[in-house]
Protein backbone atom coordinates (compact mmCIF):
# COMPACT_ATOMS: atom_id res chain seq x y z
CA MET A 1 -16.19 5.02 -18.94
CA GLU A 2 -13.62 7.39 -17.45
CA ARG A 3 -15.79 7.87 -14.39
CA GLU A 4 -15.84 4.09 -13.86
CA ILE A 5 -12.04 3.95 -14.09
CA LEU A 6 -11.77 6.76 -11.54
CA LYS A 7 -13.94 4.72 -9.17
CA LYS A 8 -11.41 1.87 -9.37
CA ILE A 9 -8.58 4.12 -8.16
CA PRO A 10 -8.30 3.52 -4.40
CA ILE A 11 -7.79 7.18 -3.49
CA PHE A 12 -11.08 8.04 -5.20
CA SER A 13 -13.16 5.06 -4.06
CA GLY A 14 -16.23 5.91 -2.02
CA LEU A 15 -16.52 9.44 -3.34
CA SER A 16 -19.88 10.81 -4.40
CA ASP A 17 -20.76 11.28 -8.06
CA ASP A 18 -20.41 15.02 -7.62
CA GLU A 19 -16.89 14.62 -6.18
CA LEU A 20 -15.91 12.24 -8.97
CA GLY A 21 -17.23 14.74 -11.46
CA LYS A 22 -14.95 17.41 -10.02
CA ILE A 23 -11.96 15.09 -10.29
CA LYS A 24 -12.90 14.07 -13.83
CA GLU A 25 -12.70 17.72 -14.86
CA LEU A 26 -9.01 17.72 -13.87
CA VAL A 27 -8.07 14.65 -15.92
CA GLN A 28 -5.91 14.96 -19.02
CA THR A 29 -5.05 12.05 -21.33
CA ALA A 30 -1.87 10.96 -23.09
CA ARG A 31 -0.98 8.01 -25.33
CA PHE A 32 2.34 6.18 -25.14
CA ARG A 33 3.76 3.62 -27.54
CA LYS A 34 5.35 0.44 -26.23
CA GLY A 35 8.75 1.32 -24.79
CA ALA A 36 8.01 5.01 -24.38
CA VAL A 37 9.25 6.56 -21.14
CA ILE A 38 6.57 8.51 -19.26
CA PHE A 39 8.97 9.96 -16.73
CA GLN A 40 12.43 9.17 -15.42
CA GLU A 41 13.75 8.81 -11.91
CA GLY A 42 14.76 12.24 -10.66
CA ASP A 43 12.44 14.21 -12.93
CA PRO A 44 10.31 16.85 -11.14
CA GLY A 45 7.11 15.23 -9.87
CA GLU A 46 4.39 17.09 -11.72
CA ALA A 47 1.42 14.72 -11.91
CA VAL A 48 -0.32 11.62 -10.57
CA TYR A 49 -1.24 9.04 -13.21
CA PHE A 50 -3.66 6.18 -13.76
CA VAL A 51 -3.81 3.54 -16.47
CA LYS A 52 -6.81 3.76 -18.78
CA PHE A 53 -5.52 1.08 -21.15
CA GLY A 54 -2.37 -1.04 -21.36
CA LYS A 55 0.42 -1.72 -18.86
CA ILE A 56 2.97 0.58 -17.26
CA LYS A 57 6.06 -0.60 -15.40
CA ILE A 58 7.76 1.32 -12.62
CA TYR A 59 11.45 0.49 -12.42
CA LYS A 60 14.82 1.56 -11.06
CA SER A 61 18.22 1.12 -12.70
CA ASP A 62 21.58 0.63 -11.07
CA GLU A 63 24.90 2.18 -12.13
CA GLU A 64 25.56 -0.70 -14.51
CA GLY A 65 22.25 -0.20 -16.28
CA ARG A 66 20.50 -3.24 -14.84
CA GLU A 67 16.78 -2.78 -14.46
CA TYR A 68 14.75 -3.70 -11.38
CA ILE A 69 10.97 -3.59 -11.73
CA VAL A 70 9.20 -2.22 -8.66
CA HIS A 71 5.66 -2.75 -9.93
CA ILE A 72 3.62 -3.25 -13.10
CA PHE A 73 0.35 -1.33 -13.28
CA GLN A 74 -2.70 -2.18 -15.36
CA GLU A 75 -6.07 -0.63 -16.18
CA GLY A 76 -7.49 1.32 -13.25
CA ASP A 77 -4.22 1.37 -11.29
CA VAL A 78 -2.83 4.64 -9.97
CA PHE A 79 0.89 5.40 -9.92
CA ALA A 80 3.31 8.23 -9.09
CA GLU A 81 1.19 9.29 -6.11
CA ALA A 82 4.39 9.48 -4.04
CA VAL A 83 5.08 12.94 -5.50
CA LEU A 84 1.68 14.37 -4.60
CA LEU A 85 2.73 16.11 -1.41
CA GLY A 86 5.77 18.39 -1.30
CA GLY A 87 6.61 18.41 -5.01
CA ALA A 88 9.29 15.70 -4.74
CA SER A 89 11.08 14.17 -7.71
CA TYR A 90 9.90 10.87 -9.14
CA PRO A 91 11.61 8.10 -7.11
CA ALA A 92 11.60 5.69 -10.06
CA SER A 93 11.04 5.63 -13.82
CA ALA A 94 7.84 4.73 -15.69
CA GLU A 95 7.66 3.08 -19.11
CA ALA A 96 4.85 1.70 -21.26
CA VAL A 97 5.11 -2.10 -21.42
CA GLU A 98 2.68 -2.06 -24.35
CA ASP A 99 0.79 0.62 -26.27
CA SER A 100 -1.01 2.43 -23.45
CA ILE A 101 -3.34 5.29 -22.62
CA VAL A 102 -2.90 7.04 -19.30
CA GLY A 103 -4.89 9.69 -17.57
CA PHE A 104 -3.10 12.20 -15.41
CA ILE A 105 -3.94 14.97 -13.02
CA LYS A 106 -1.44 17.73 -12.42
CA ASN A 107 -0.32 18.01 -8.82
CA SER A 108 -1.15 21.68 -8.62
CA ASP A 109 -4.76 21.01 -9.67
CA LEU A 110 -5.20 18.01 -7.37
CA GLU A 111 -3.61 19.70 -4.37
CA LYS A 112 -6.04 22.58 -4.76
CA LEU A 113 -8.94 20.12 -4.84
CA ILE A 114 -7.86 18.02 -1.85
CA SER A 115 -7.23 21.13 0.23
CA GLN A 116 -10.97 21.64 -0.03
CA ASN A 117 -11.92 17.98 0.57
CA LEU A 118 -10.68 16.18 3.69
CA GLN A 119 -12.03 12.81 2.54
CA ILE A 120 -9.88 12.80 -0.60
CA ALA A 121 -6.84 13.91 1.40
CA LEU A 122 -7.22 11.02 3.87
CA LYS A 123 -7.60 8.44 1.10
CA ILE A 124 -4.43 9.66 -0.59
CA ILE A 125 -2.51 9.29 2.68
CA LYS A 126 -3.82 5.72 3.15
CA ILE A 127 -2.90 4.56 -0.35
CA MET A 128 0.57 6.10 -0.08
CA ALA A 129 1.09 4.20 3.17
CA GLY A 130 0.03 0.97 1.43
CA ARG A 131 2.46 1.51 -1.43
CA LEU A 132 5.26 2.14 1.08
CA ARG A 133 4.51 -1.17 2.84
CA GLU A 134 4.61 -2.99 -0.51
CA THR A 135 7.99 -1.45 -1.37
CA GLN A 136 9.40 -2.33 2.05
CA GLU A 137 8.24 -5.93 1.62
CA GLN A 138 9.88 -6.14 -1.81
CA ILE A 139 13.15 -4.84 -0.39
CA ARG A 140 12.95 -7.35 2.48
CA ASN A 141 12.28 -10.19 0.02
CA LEU A 142 15.26 -9.27 -2.15
CA ALA A 143 17.54 -9.00 0.85
CA PHE A 144 16.60 -12.04 2.93
CA ARG A 145 14.85 -14.62 0.76
CA ASP A 146 16.29 -16.96 -1.85
CA THR A 147 14.96 -17.12 -5.41
CA TYR A 148 12.53 -19.96 -4.67
CA ASP A 149 11.00 -18.06 -1.75
CA ARG A 150 10.78 -14.81 -3.72
CA THR A 151 9.05 -16.58 -6.60
CA ALA A 152 6.55 -18.09 -4.17
CA CYS A 153 5.90 -14.64 -2.68
CA MET A 154 5.40 -13.20 -6.14
CA LEU A 155 2.95 -15.99 -7.08
CA HIS A 156 1.02 -15.51 -3.85
CA LYS A 157 0.64 -11.79 -4.52
CA ILE A 158 -0.45 -12.42 -8.11
CA CYS A 159 -3.06 -14.87 -6.80
CA LEU A 160 -4.38 -12.25 -4.37
CA ASP A 161 -4.50 -9.55 -7.04
CA TYR A 162 -5.66 -11.48 -10.11
CA GLY A 163 -6.63 -15.05 -9.18
CA GLN A 164 -10.03 -16.73 -9.14
CA ARG A 165 -10.85 -19.70 -6.96
CA THR A 166 -12.18 -22.68 -8.90
CA GLN A 167 -12.68 -26.39 -8.27
CA ASN A 168 -9.16 -26.98 -9.60
CA GLY A 169 -7.46 -24.36 -7.43
CA ILE A 170 -6.63 -20.69 -7.80
CA GLU A 171 -6.52 -19.89 -11.51
CA VAL A 172 -4.57 -16.88 -12.71
CA ASP A 173 -4.52 -15.56 -16.26
CA LEU A 174 -0.97 -14.24 -16.12
CA PRO A 175 -0.82 -10.45 -16.44
CA PHE A 176 2.97 -10.58 -16.86
CA THR A 177 5.47 -12.22 -19.19
CA ARG A 178 8.13 -14.55 -17.78
CA GLN A 179 10.68 -11.76 -18.22
CA GLU A 180 8.52 -9.33 -16.24
CA MET A 181 8.01 -11.95 -13.52
CA ALA A 182 11.78 -12.43 -13.35
CA ALA A 183 12.29 -8.68 -12.94
CA LEU A 184 9.72 -8.61 -10.13
CA VAL A 185 11.59 -11.41 -8.36
CA GLY A 186 15.01 -9.90 -9.08
CA THR A 187 16.47 -12.79 -11.06
CA SER A 188 16.75 -14.13 -14.61
CA ARG A 189 13.96 -15.43 -16.83
CA GLU A 190 15.64 -18.83 -16.92
CA THR A 191 15.73 -19.07 -13.14
CA VAL A 192 12.03 -18.20 -12.75
CA THR A 193 11.14 -20.76 -15.44
CA ARG A 194 13.19 -23.39 -13.59
CA VAL A 195 11.51 -22.59 -10.23
CA LEU A 196 8.03 -22.73 -11.78
CA SER A 197 8.86 -26.07 -13.39
CA ASP A 198 10.04 -27.39 -10.02
CA MET A 199 6.79 -26.22 -8.37
CA LYS A 200 4.82 -27.98 -11.08
CA LYS A 201 6.83 -31.18 -10.56
CA ASN A 202 6.06 -31.03 -6.81
CA GLY A 203 2.33 -30.63 -7.43
CA ILE A 204 2.15 -27.06 -6.15
CA ILE A 205 1.06 -25.53 -9.45
CA ASP A 206 0.03 -26.42 -12.96
CA MET A 207 0.69 -24.03 -15.79
CA THR A 208 0.38 -23.21 -19.45
CA ARG A 209 2.01 -20.34 -21.33
CA GLN A 210 -0.63 -17.82 -20.20
CA LYS A 211 -2.16 -19.39 -17.09
CA ILE A 212 -1.05 -20.71 -13.72
CA ILE A 213 -3.24 -22.81 -11.45
CA VAL A 214 -2.20 -23.03 -7.80
CA LEU A 215 -3.17 -26.60 -6.95
CA ASN A 216 -1.95 -26.57 -3.35
CA GLU A 217 -2.02 -23.18 -1.67
CA LYS A 218 -0.72 -24.58 1.63
CA LYS A 219 2.41 -25.94 -0.07
CA LEU A 220 2.91 -22.63 -1.80
CA MET A 221 2.68 -20.78 1.50
CA ARG A 222 5.16 -23.20 3.11
CA CYS A 223 7.68 -22.05 0.49
CA ILE A 224 7.47 -18.60 2.07
CA ARG A 225 9.54 -19.03 5.20
């Protein structure tokens, strides 16, 4: 099973079974209870992680203690790859959203491996570039878009990542709670609930507690100015 999870990690996709076997030998495993902090912003960057089970949130906190979620990772997702090259500190904190199992590879072990494998090195560079683009887009959204627009952007991304097209529209079994969605948008839970209700009233979406159906994708996209 672990080999299959490794295949889902973008930086390892396309590798041969022999290469995956070498990476698998480097993997260590740790369990974290809900609410447990895996690492904190500013800690020395010692390892790259991936989620084997559960959910992990990456977040930053301001001087007043307010929390801003950068991303929420689920099974098969890789995180903390930003510290792979150069031994930098973790740029954000990581916490288990629910009881979770994570695999991790120490930087020193992985750097030794990628120094001997150009293909792995190139894939790491590509995924790091992708994460940087996502972070830049989130910053741009927080700075220049209103709450309605940011919620529409968040829904669109969730649809791309988790949605399935059906006869009714794009159905998404929500991977996040309303509070987590609010943190992703950078607003309150009440505000996100109000925006979603307004979208439902305007025929853009339908929703239950655990599912959202995008009924009109074009209208949703028009919300993103």
